[in-house]
Amino acid sequence: MDLETESVAMPSLSDIVSYTDDFLRISEVGDWDNALNGLQIENSGQVTQLGAAVDVSTRVLTEAAKRNVDLLIVHHGLFWPGLQPVKSALRRQLQLAFENDIALYSAHLPLDIHPKVGNNAQLVAALGLPFGVRGHVRAFKSGPAVAGSPHSKFTQPFLEEKGQPVGLKARASMPRNELIRKLRKALGGPVKVFSFGPRQTRTIGVVTGGAGSEIYRVAQEAIDTFITGEAPHWAAVAAQELGMNLLLGGHYATEVFGVKALAAHLSKRFGIPWEFIDCPTGL
């Protein structure tokens, strides 16, 4: 009997999108209208290569085309500037996607707050803070606490925005300098430090991205050390007035975690390879 090699059917775009919408609770999580979470551009229907990037841009789409990516997952999608005519940069980006059959999927707050692959949860884990999340819509626990760890057993969601908490806080006693060292290692780059709080942390708040303007609301949660990506000038003054440590790791650097974790999860789930397309913004 002749043995013929059976071709393995590649997953369809609709299957991946349907699964990801449910996994991230796209229809349930509130967000700004211009986030337009979910599928933003469809392709011809099949997916053979996943790509992950923080932002969609001409540079990212060009690199995705070179790597034969046909589904690009991003944190910041095409439509943040709002309603606009299809010309200049938007026309160029759409043309690149259409000509190279690249589908685009974007997830903003649903990816920030996800208890497993979310930016906050991934950064908390990278810092060695508690893994379990208490009080989340879908609580999870990905591993046991390390014996002798000074950390509490759980982190808690906090900082309400668009109908749900968008940050994580953890009771964690550690030297401030140790936390800064861990943060630099996790981000692979510099951290802007405003050391106006205690030398020994008690409660650490993590909100990836650009949450520095929420520093007064964060302080109401009895957080003494606040980790985020970027902040306005006045937030540094506020940190001193509040007696809080403010650690700024960069908007981009604090938000690479989620798209990487989501792409890795989908790769394992659907049996397709993935790559991270690194295009730092400098912020």
C-alpha atoms as a PDB file:
ATOM      1  CA  MET A   1       0.000   0.000   0.000  1.00  0.00           C
ATOM      2  CA  ASP A   2       1.332   3.416  -0.915  1.00  0.00           C
ATOM      3  CA  LEU A   3       1.684   5.734   2.013  1.00  0.00           C
ATOM      4  CA  GLU A   4       0.842   9.315   1.188  1.00  0.00           C
ATOM      5  CA  THR A   5       1.842  12.177   3.416  1.00  0.00           C
ATOM      6  CA  GLU A   6      -1.260  13.787   4.764  1.00  0.00           C
ATOM      7  CA  SER A   7      -1.256  17.554   4.721  1.00  0.00           C
ATOM      8  CA  VAL A   8      -1.967  19.179   8.052  1.00  0.00           C
ATOM      9  CA  ALA A   9      -4.716  21.755   7.791  1.00  0.00           C
ATOM     10  CA  MET A  10      -3.617  25.156   9.026  1.00  0.00           C
ATOM     11  CA  PRO A  11      -5.980  26.944  11.403  1.00  0.00           C
ATOM     12  CA  SER A  12      -8.363  29.455   9.911  1.00  0.00           C
ATOM     13  CA  LEU A  13      -8.299  33.119  10.821  1.00  0.00           C
ATOM     14  CA  SER A  14     -11.911  32.922  12.006  1.00  0.00           C
ATOM     15  CA  ASP A  15     -11.089  30.068  14.405  1.00  0.00           C
ATOM     16  CA  ILE A  16      -8.179  31.972  15.952  1.00  0.00           C
ATOM     17  CA  VAL A  17     -10.137  35.222  16.199  1.00  0.00           C
ATOM     18  CA  SER A  18     -13.143  33.511  17.788  1.00  0.00           C
ATOM     19  CA  TYR A  19     -10.950  31.789  20.364  1.00  0.00           C
ATOM     20  CA  THR A  20      -8.946  34.952  21.145  1.00  0.00           C
ATOM     21  CA  ASP A  21     -12.070  37.096  21.495  1.00  0.00           C
ATOM     22  CA  ASP A  22     -13.362  34.680  24.118  1.00  0.00           C
ATOM     23  CA  PHE A  23      -9.985  34.180  25.833  1.00  0.00           C
ATOM     24  CA  LEU A  24      -9.486  37.941  26.260  1.00  0.00           C
ATOM     25  CA  ARG A  25     -13.184  38.673  26.901  1.00  0.00           C
ATOM     26  CA  ILE A  26     -13.158  41.265  24.129  1.00  0.00           C
ATOM     27  CA  SER A  27     -16.908  41.888  24.270  1.00  0.00           C
ATOM     28  CA  GLU A  28     -16.936  42.241  28.061  1.00  0.00           C
ATOM     29  CA  VAL A  29     -13.976  44.501  28.807  1.00  0.00           C
ATOM     30  CA  GLY A  30     -14.599  48.227  28.483  1.00  0.00           C
ATOM     31  CA  ASP A  31     -12.097  50.398  26.618  1.00  0.00           C
ATOM     32  CA  TRP A  32     -11.750  53.651  24.729  1.00  0.00           C
ATOM     33  CA  ASP A  33     -13.682  53.571  21.441  1.00  0.00           C
ATOM     34  CA  ASN A  34     -10.595  54.125  19.306  1.00  0.00           C
ATOM     35  CA  ALA A  35      -8.980  50.968  20.685  1.00  0.00           C
ATOM     36  CA  LEU A  36     -11.344  48.941  18.451  1.00  0.00           C
ATOM     37  CA  ASN A  37     -10.352  45.686  20.126  1.00  0.00           C
ATOM     38  CA  GLY A  38     -10.435  42.492  18.103  1.00  0.00           C
ATOM     39  CA  LEU A  39      -9.905  41.891  14.405  1.00  0.00           C
ATOM     40  CA  GLN A  40      -9.138  45.162  12.614  1.00  0.00           C
ATOM     41  CA  ILE A  41      -8.051  43.783   9.220  1.00  0.00           C
ATOM     42  CA  GLU A  42      -8.864  40.347   7.832  1.00  0.00           C
ATOM     43  CA  ASN A  43      -6.722  38.381   5.414  1.00  0.00           C
ATOM     44  CA  SER A  44      -7.691  35.692   2.894  1.00  0.00           C
ATOM     45  CA  GLY A  45      -8.588  33.320   5.709  1.00  0.00           C
ATOM     46  CA  GLN A  46      -5.623  31.115   6.665  1.00  0.00           C
ATOM     47  CA  VAL A  47      -2.867  31.632   9.235  1.00  0.00           C
ATOM     48  CA  THR A  48       0.589  30.081   8.947  1.00  0.00           C
ATOM     49  CA  GLN A  49       2.756  32.537  10.881  1.00  0.00           C
ATOM     50  CA  LEU A  50       1.954  34.725  13.881  1.00  0.00           C
ATOM     51  CA  GLY A  51       3.638  38.022  14.565  1.00  0.00           C
ATOM     52  CA  ALA A  52       3.469  40.085  17.756  1.00  0.00           C
ATOM     53  CA  ALA A  53       4.258  43.783  18.173  1.00  0.00           C
ATOM     54  CA  VAL A  54       3.373  46.519  20.636  1.00  0.00           C
ATOM     55  CA  ASP A  55       2.218  48.956  17.938  1.00  0.00           C
ATOM     56  CA  VAL A  56       1.105  48.701  14.341  1.00  0.00           C
ATOM     57  CA  SER A  57       3.099  50.964  12.030  1.00  0.00           C
ATOM     58  CA  THR A  58       4.606  51.044   8.560  1.00  0.00           C
ATOM     59  CA  ARG A  59       7.865  49.789  10.033  1.00  0.00           C
ATOM     60  CA  VAL A  60       6.175  46.880  11.843  1.00  0.00           C
ATOM     61  CA  LEU A  61       4.060  45.875   8.838  1.00  0.00           C
ATOM     62  CA  THR A  62       7.090  45.992   6.541  1.00  0.00           C
ATOM     63  CA  GLU A  63       8.992  43.697   8.898  1.00  0.00           C
ATOM     64  CA  ALA A  64       5.962  41.424   9.257  1.00  0.00           C
ATOM     65  CA  ALA A  65       5.805  41.047   5.470  1.00  0.00           C
ATOM     66  CA  LYS A  66       9.500  40.125   5.354  1.00  0.00           C
ATOM     67  CA  ARG A  67       8.867  37.388   7.927  1.00  0.00           C
ATOM     68  CA  ASN A  68       5.787  36.034   6.106  1.00  0.00           C
ATOM     69  CA  VAL A  69       3.505  36.914   9.010  1.00  0.00           C
ATOM     70  CA  ASP A  70      -0.151  36.568   8.067  1.00  0.00           C
ATOM     71  CA  LEU A  71      -1.656  37.382  11.486  1.00  0.00           C
ATOM     72  CA  LEU A  72      -0.168  40.315  13.384  1.00  0.00           C
ATOM     73  CA  ILE A  73      -1.185  40.789  17.035  1.00  0.00           C
ATOM     74  CA  VAL A  74      -0.678  44.264  18.507  1.00  0.00           C
ATOM     75  CA  HIS A  75      -1.510  46.185  21.668  1.00  0.00           C
ATOM     76  CA  HIS A  76      -2.071  49.534  19.947  1.00  0.00           C
ATOM     77  CA  GLY A  77      -4.055  49.245  16.713  1.00  0.00           C
ATOM     78  CA  LEU A  78      -4.651  51.391  13.670  1.00  0.00           C
ATOM     79  CA  PHE A  79      -7.358  53.696  14.902  1.00  0.00           C
ATOM     80  CA  TRP A  80      -6.061  55.514  17.984  1.00  0.00           C
ATOM     81  CA  PRO A  81      -6.049  58.863  16.126  1.00  0.00           C
ATOM     82  CA  GLY A  82      -9.791  58.454  15.568  1.00  0.00           C
ATOM     83  CA  LEU A  83     -11.792  58.854  12.367  1.00  0.00           C
ATOM     84  CA  GLN A  84      -9.463  59.940   9.580  1.00  0.00           C
ATOM     85  CA  PRO A  85      -9.259  59.882   5.788  1.00  0.00           C
ATOM     86  CA  VAL A  86      -7.455  56.951   4.170  1.00  0.00           C
ATOM     87  CA  LYS A  87      -4.341  58.757   3.016  1.00  0.00           C
ATOM     88  CA  SER A  88      -0.681  59.147   3.934  1.00  0.00           C
ATOM     89  CA  ALA A  89       0.339  56.789   6.777  1.00  0.00           C
ATOM     90  CA  LEU A  90      -3.025  55.004   7.071  1.00  0.00           C
ATOM     91  CA  ARG A  91      -3.182  54.365   3.325  1.00  0.00           C
ATOM     92  CA  ARG A  92       0.401  53.061   3.388  1.00  0.00           C
ATOM     93  CA  GLN A  93      -0.326  50.736   6.308  1.00  0.00           C
ATOM     94  CA  LEU A  94      -3.505  49.349   4.762  1.00  0.00           C
ATOM     95  CA  GLN A  95      -1.751  48.810   1.440  1.00  0.00           C
ATOM     96  CA  LEU A  96       1.035  46.843   3.136  1.00  0.00           C
ATOM     97  CA  ALA A  97      -1.501  44.677   4.935  1.00  0.00           C
ATOM     98  CA  PHE A  98      -3.611  44.016   1.828  1.00  0.00           C
ATOM     99  CA  GLU A  99      -0.713  43.358  -0.535  1.00  0.00           C
ATOM    100  CA  ASN A 100       0.933  40.927   1.897  1.00  0.00           C
ATOM    101  CA  ASP A 101      -2.275  39.261   3.118  1.00  0.00           C
ATOM    102  CA  ILE A 102      -1.663  40.299   6.740  1.00  0.00           C
ATOM    103  CA  ALA A 103      -4.553  40.154   9.192  1.00  0.00           C
ATOM    104  CA  LEU A 104      -4.382  42.543  12.146  1.00  0.00           C
ATOM    105  CA  TYR A 105      -5.713  41.812  15.635  1.00  0.00           C
ATOM    106  CA  SER A 106      -5.513  44.443  18.363  1.00  0.00           C
ATOM    107  CA  ALA A 107      -6.105  44.113  22.105  1.00  0.00           C
ATOM    108  CA  HIS A 108      -5.671  47.053  24.469  1.00  0.00           C
ATOM    109  CA  LEU A 109      -7.276  46.924  27.941  1.00  0.00           C
ATOM    110  CA  PRO A 110      -8.393  43.300  27.484  1.00  0.00           C
ATOM    111  CA  LEU A 111      -4.698  42.417  27.167  1.00  0.00           C
ATOM    112  CA  ASP A 112      -3.515  44.779  29.900  1.00  0.00           C
ATOM    113  CA  ILE A 113      -5.752  43.199  32.516  1.00  0.00           C
ATOM    114  CA  HIS A 114      -5.819  39.530  31.529  1.00  0.00           C
ATOM    115  CA  PRO A 115      -4.868  37.495  34.628  1.00  0.00           C
ATOM    116  CA  LYS A 116      -2.521  35.152  32.762  1.00  0.00           C
ATOM    117  CA  VAL A 117      -1.101  36.728  29.574  1.00  0.00           C
ATOM    118  CA  GLY A 118      -1.806  40.360  30.500  1.00  0.00           C
ATOM    119  CA  ASN A 119       0.862  43.052  30.634  1.00  0.00           C
ATOM    120  CA  ASN A 120       0.321  43.635  34.353  1.00  0.00           C
ATOM    121  CA  ALA A 121       0.288  39.959  35.300  1.00  0.00           C
ATOM    122  CA  GLN A 122       3.334  39.187  33.180  1.00  0.00           C
ATOM    123  CA  LEU A 123       5.355  42.069  34.632  1.00  0.00           C
ATOM    124  CA  VAL A 124       4.320  41.147  38.180  1.00  0.00           C
ATOM    125  CA  ALA A 125       5.517  37.585  37.524  1.00  0.00           C
ATOM    126  CA  ALA A 126       8.785  38.827  35.978  1.00  0.00           C
ATOM    127  CA  LEU A 127       9.436  40.806  39.160  1.00  0.00           C
ATOM    128  CA  GLY A 128       8.937  37.718  41.293  1.00  0.00           C
ATOM    129  CA  LEU A 129       5.849  39.142  42.967  1.00  0.00           C
ATOM    130  CA  PRO A 130       2.863  36.919  43.841  1.00  0.00           C
ATOM    131  CA  PHE A 131       1.426  34.886  40.962  1.00  0.00           C
ATOM    132  CA  GLY A 132      -2.151  34.356  42.137  1.00  0.00           C
ATOM    133  CA  VAL A 133      -4.702  37.064  41.424  1.00  0.00           C
ATOM    134  CA  ARG A 134      -7.501  37.524  43.943  1.00  0.00           C
ATOM    135  CA  GLY A 135     -10.691  39.343  43.048  1.00  0.00           C
ATOM    136  CA  HIS A 136     -10.314  39.151  39.267  1.00  0.00           C
ATOM    137  CA  VAL A 137     -13.203  38.099  37.042  1.00  0.00           C
ATOM    138  CA  ARG A 138     -11.241  35.000  36.129  1.00  0.00           C
ATOM    139  CA  ALA A 139      -8.858  34.345  39.003  1.00  0.00           C
ATOM    140  CA  PHE A 140      -5.913  32.103  38.336  1.00  0.00           C
ATOM    141  CA  LYS A 141      -2.911  30.709  40.092  1.00  0.00           C
ATOM    142  CA  SER A 142      -0.005  29.674  37.907  1.00  0.00           C
ATOM    143  CA  GLY A 143       2.371  28.324  40.508  1.00  0.00           C
ATOM    144  CA  PRO A 144       3.170  27.920  44.183  1.00  0.00           C
ATOM    145  CA  ALA A 145       4.832  30.649  46.176  1.00  0.00           C
ATOM    146  CA  VAL A 146       8.545  30.269  46.708  1.00  0.00           C
ATOM    147  CA  ALA A 147       9.359  28.936  50.157  1.00  0.00           C
ATOM    148  CA  GLY A 148      10.488  31.696  52.481  1.00  0.00           C
ATOM    149  CA  SER A 149       9.321  34.425  50.121  1.00  0.00           C
ATOM    150  CA  PRO A 150       8.485  37.678  51.920  1.00  0.00           C
ATOM    151  CA  HIS A 151       5.654  38.290  49.456  1.00  0.00           C
ATOM    152  CA  SER A 152       1.975  37.905  50.177  1.00  0.00           C
ATOM    153  CA  LYS A 153       0.118  35.053  48.538  1.00  0.00           C
ATOM    154  CA  PHE A 154      -2.011  37.147  46.190  1.00  0.00           C
ATOM    155  CA  THR A 155      -2.051  40.305  44.175  1.00  0.00           C
ATOM    156  CA  GLN A 156      -5.257  42.300  43.886  1.00  0.00           C
ATOM    157  CA  PRO A 157      -6.718  44.259  40.967  1.00  0.00           C
ATOM    158  CA  PHE A 158      -7.112  47.999  41.584  1.00  0.00           C
ATOM    159  CA  LEU A 159      -7.606  51.359  39.808  1.00  0.00           C
ATOM    160  CA  GLU A 160     -11.019  51.362  38.147  1.00  0.00           C
ATOM    161  CA  GLU A 161     -11.094  52.479  34.497  1.00  0.00           C
ATOM    162  CA  LYS A 162     -13.763  51.902  31.851  1.00  0.00           C
ATOM    163  CA  GLY A 163     -15.710  49.617  34.157  1.00  0.00           C
ATOM    164  CA  GLN A 164     -12.951  47.353  35.485  1.00  0.00           C
ATOM    165  CA  PRO A 165      -9.695  47.542  37.474  1.00  0.00           C
ATOM    166  CA  VAL A 166      -6.679  48.069  35.208  1.00  0.00           C
ATOM    167  CA  GLY A 167      -3.789  47.568  37.633  1.00  0.00           C
ATOM    168  CA  LEU A 168      -2.432  45.030  40.101  1.00  0.00           C
ATOM    169  CA  LYS A 169      -1.189  45.714  43.622  1.00  0.00           C
ATOM    170  CA  ALA A 170       0.786  43.384  45.821  1.00  0.00           C
ATOM    171  CA  ARG A 171       1.811  43.473  49.454  1.00  0.00           C
ATOM    172  CA  ALA A 172       5.517  42.853  49.135  1.00  0.00           C
ATOM    173  CA  SER A 173       8.273  43.770  51.539  1.00  0.00           C
ATOM    174  CA  MET A 174      11.611  44.142  49.784  1.00  0.00           C
ATOM    175  CA  PRO A 175      14.409  46.681  49.614  1.00  0.00           C
ATOM    176  CA  ARG A 176      13.606  49.412  47.106  1.00  0.00           C
ATOM    177  CA  ASN A 177      16.979  48.974  45.388  1.00  0.00           C
ATOM    178  CA  GLU A 178      16.308  45.269  44.918  1.00  0.00           C
ATOM    179  CA  LEU A 179      12.971  46.021  43.255  1.00  0.00           C
ATOM    180  CA  ILE A 180      14.629  48.563  40.967  1.00  0.00           C
ATOM    181  CA  ARG A 181      17.283  46.017  40.003  1.00  0.00           C
ATOM    182  CA  LYS A 182      14.625  43.415  39.236  1.00  0.00           C
ATOM    183  CA  LEU A 183      12.628  45.900  37.184  1.00  0.00           C
ATOM    184  CA  ARG A 184      15.645  46.882  35.102  1.00  0.00           C
ATOM    185  CA  LYS A 185      16.385  43.216  34.461  1.00  0.00           C
ATOM    186  CA  ALA A 186      12.764  42.423  33.534  1.00  0.00           C
ATOM    187  CA  LEU A 187      12.569  45.355  31.114  1.00  0.00           C
ATOM    188  CA  GLY A 188      16.062  44.962  29.721  1.00  0.00           C
ATOM    189  CA  GLY A 189      16.663  48.676  29.960  1.00  0.00           C
ATOM    190  CA  PRO A 190      16.785  51.799  32.128  1.00  0.00           C
ATOM    191  CA  VAL A 191      14.234  52.802  34.738  1.00  0.00           C
ATOM    192  CA  LYS A 192      13.559  56.390  35.751  1.00  0.00           C
ATOM    193  CA  VAL A 193      13.486  56.398  39.540  1.00  0.00           C
ATOM    194  CA  PHE A 194      11.893  58.935  41.879  1.00  0.00           C
ATOM    195  CA  SER A 195      12.801  57.675  45.349  1.00  0.00           C
ATOM    196  CA  PHE A 196      10.411  59.601  47.553  1.00  0.00           C
ATOM    197  CA  GLY A 197       8.872  56.610  49.337  1.00  0.00           C
ATOM    198  CA  PRO A 198      10.133  54.063  51.866  1.00  0.00           C
ATOM    199  CA  ARG A 199      13.411  52.221  51.348  1.00  0.00           C
ATOM    200  CA  GLN A 200      11.569  48.991  52.184  1.00  0.00           C
ATOM    201  CA  THR A 201       8.446  48.568  50.081  1.00  0.00           C
ATOM    202  CA  ARG A 202       5.159  47.515  51.626  1.00  0.00           C
ATOM    203  CA  THR A 203       2.585  47.723  48.830  1.00  0.00           C
ATOM    204  CA  ILE A 204       3.585  47.838  45.161  1.00  0.00           C
ATOM    205  CA  GLY A 205       1.212  48.962  42.420  1.00  0.00           C
ATOM    206  CA  VAL A 206       1.747  47.980  38.772  1.00  0.00           C
ATOM    207  CA  VAL A 207      -0.056  49.600  35.843  1.00  0.00           C
ATOM    208  CA  THR A 208       1.819  49.166  32.572  1.00  0.00           C
ATOM    209  CA  GLY A 209       1.835  51.837  29.875  1.00  0.00           C
ATOM    210  CA  GLY A 210       1.114  55.484  30.554  1.00  0.00           C
ATOM    211  CA  ALA A 211      -0.632  55.565  33.943  1.00  0.00           C
ATOM    212  CA  GLY A 212       1.555  58.119  35.710  1.00  0.00           C
ATOM    213  CA  SER A 213      -1.197  60.734  35.601  1.00  0.00           C
ATOM    214  CA  GLU A 214      -3.228  58.506  37.922  1.00  0.00           C
ATOM    215  CA  ILE A 215      -0.735  58.851  40.760  1.00  0.00           C
ATOM    216  CA  TYR A 216      -3.182  60.515  43.160  1.00  0.00           C
ATOM    217  CA  ARG A 217      -5.746  57.760  42.632  1.00  0.00           C
ATOM    218  CA  VAL A 218      -2.996  55.183  43.107  1.00  0.00           C
ATOM    219  CA  ALA A 219      -1.995  56.797  46.401  1.00  0.00           C
ATOM    220  CA  GLN A 220      -5.544  56.339  47.696  1.00  0.00           C
ATOM    221  CA  GLU A 221      -4.872  52.579  47.599  1.00  0.00           C
ATOM    222  CA  ALA A 222      -2.102  52.944  50.232  1.00  0.00           C
ATOM    223  CA  ILE A 223       0.506  52.072  47.592  1.00  0.00           C
ATOM    224  CA  ASP A 224       3.989  53.277  48.495  1.00  0.00           C
ATOM    225  CA  THR A 225       5.764  52.166  45.294  1.00  0.00           C
ATOM    226  CA  PHE A 226       4.153  52.737  41.897  1.00  0.00           C
ATOM    227  CA  ILE A 227       5.480  51.075  38.734  1.00  0.00           C
ATOM    228  CA  THR A 228       4.257  52.291  35.359  1.00  0.00           C
ATOM    229  CA  GLY A 229       5.658  53.167  31.963  1.00  0.00           C
ATOM    230  CA  GLU A 230       5.525  56.941  31.682  1.00  0.00           C
ATOM    231  CA  ALA A 231       4.164  59.972  33.501  1.00  0.00           C
ATOM    232  CA  PRO A 232       3.648  63.717  32.994  1.00  0.00           C
ATOM    233  CA  HIS A 233       6.117  66.152  34.527  1.00  0.00           C
ATOM    234  CA  TRP A 234       3.841  67.044  37.422  1.00  0.00           C
ATOM    235  CA  ALA A 235       3.643  63.400  38.538  1.00  0.00           C
ATOM    236  CA  ALA A 236       7.249  63.581  39.765  1.00  0.00           C
ATOM    237  CA  VAL A 237       6.295  66.517  41.986  1.00  0.00           C
ATOM    238  CA  ALA A 238       3.224  64.610  43.138  1.00  0.00           C
ATOM    239  CA  ALA A 239       5.348  61.575  44.046  1.00  0.00           C
ATOM    240  CA  GLN A 240       7.432  63.719  46.389  1.00  0.00           C
ATOM    241  CA  GLU A 241       4.363  65.331  47.940  1.00  0.00           C
ATOM    242  CA  LEU A 242       2.790  61.907  48.457  1.00  0.00           C
ATOM    243  CA  GLY A 243       5.950  60.245  49.788  1.00  0.00           C
ATOM    244  CA  MET A 244       5.772  57.601  47.083  1.00  0.00           C
ATOM    245  CA  ASN A 245       8.385  55.759  45.048  1.00  0.00           C
ATOM    246  CA  LEU A 246       7.647  56.273  41.357  1.00  0.00           C
ATOM    247  CA  LEU A 247       9.390  53.912  38.920  1.00  0.00           C
ATOM    248  CA  LEU A 248       8.992  54.632  35.187  1.00  0.00           C
ATOM    249  CA  GLY A 249      10.093  51.788  32.941  1.00  0.00           C
ATOM    250  CA  GLY A 250       8.924  53.191  29.607  1.00  0.00           C
ATOM    251  CA  HIS A 251       5.534  52.861  27.924  1.00  0.00           C
ATOM    252  CA  TYR A 252       6.855  50.516  25.245  1.00  0.00           C
ATOM    253  CA  ALA A 253       9.072  48.405  27.492  1.00  0.00           C
ATOM    254  CA  THR A 254       6.317  47.730  30.025  1.00  0.00           C
ATOM    255  CA  GLU A 255       3.923  46.584  27.295  1.00  0.00           C
ATOM    256  CA  VAL A 256       5.957  44.049  25.343  1.00  0.00           C
ATOM    257  CA  PHE A 257       4.913  41.311  27.769  1.00  0.00           C
ATOM    258  CA  GLY A 258       1.287  40.869  26.810  1.00  0.00           C
ATOM    259  CA  VAL A 259       1.604  40.495  23.039  1.00  0.00           C
ATOM    260  CA  LYS A 260       4.488  38.057  23.509  1.00  0.00           C
ATOM    261  CA  ALA A 261       2.560  35.948  26.008  1.00  0.00           C
ATOM    262  CA  LEU A 262      -0.609  35.977  23.903  1.00  0.00           C
ATOM    263  CA  ALA A 263       1.254  35.007  20.726  1.00  0.00           C
ATOM    264  CA  ALA A 264       3.047  32.195  22.577  1.00  0.00           C
ATOM    265  CA  HIS A 265      -0.279  30.967  23.951  1.00  0.00           C
ATOM    266  CA  LEU A 266      -1.927  30.983  20.509  1.00  0.00           C
ATOM    267  CA  SER A 267       1.122  29.330  18.964  1.00  0.00           C
ATOM    268  CA  LYS A 268       0.825  26.441  21.400  1.00  0.00           C
ATOM    269  CA  ARG A 269      -2.943  26.259  21.068  1.00  0.00           C
ATOM    270  CA  PHE A 270      -3.039  26.216  17.251  1.00  0.00           C
ATOM    271  CA  GLY A 271       0.373  24.754  16.415  1.00  0.00           C
ATOM    272  CA  ILE A 272       1.719  27.682  14.413  1.00  0.00           C
ATOM    273  CA  PRO A 273       5.032  29.517  14.879  1.00  0.00           C
ATOM    274  CA  TRP A 274       5.296  33.081  16.148  1.00  0.00           C
ATOM    275  CA  GLU A 275       7.857  35.890  16.207  1.00  0.00           C
ATOM    276  CA  PHE A 276       8.146  39.150  18.107  1.00  0.00           C
ATOM    277  CA  ILE A 277       8.708  42.243  15.964  1.00  0.00           C
ATOM    278  CA  ASP A 278      10.641  44.665  18.148  1.00  0.00           C
ATOM    279  CA  CYS A 279      10.193  48.311  17.107  1.00  0.00           C
ATOM    280  CA  PRO A 280      10.758  50.503  20.192  1.00  0.00           C
ATOM    281  CA  THR A 281       9.199  53.957  20.136  1.00  0.00           C
ATOM    282  CA  GLY A 282      11.683  55.538  22.545  1.00  0.00           C
ATOM    283  CA  LEU A 283       8.942  56.288  25.072  1.00  0.00           C
END
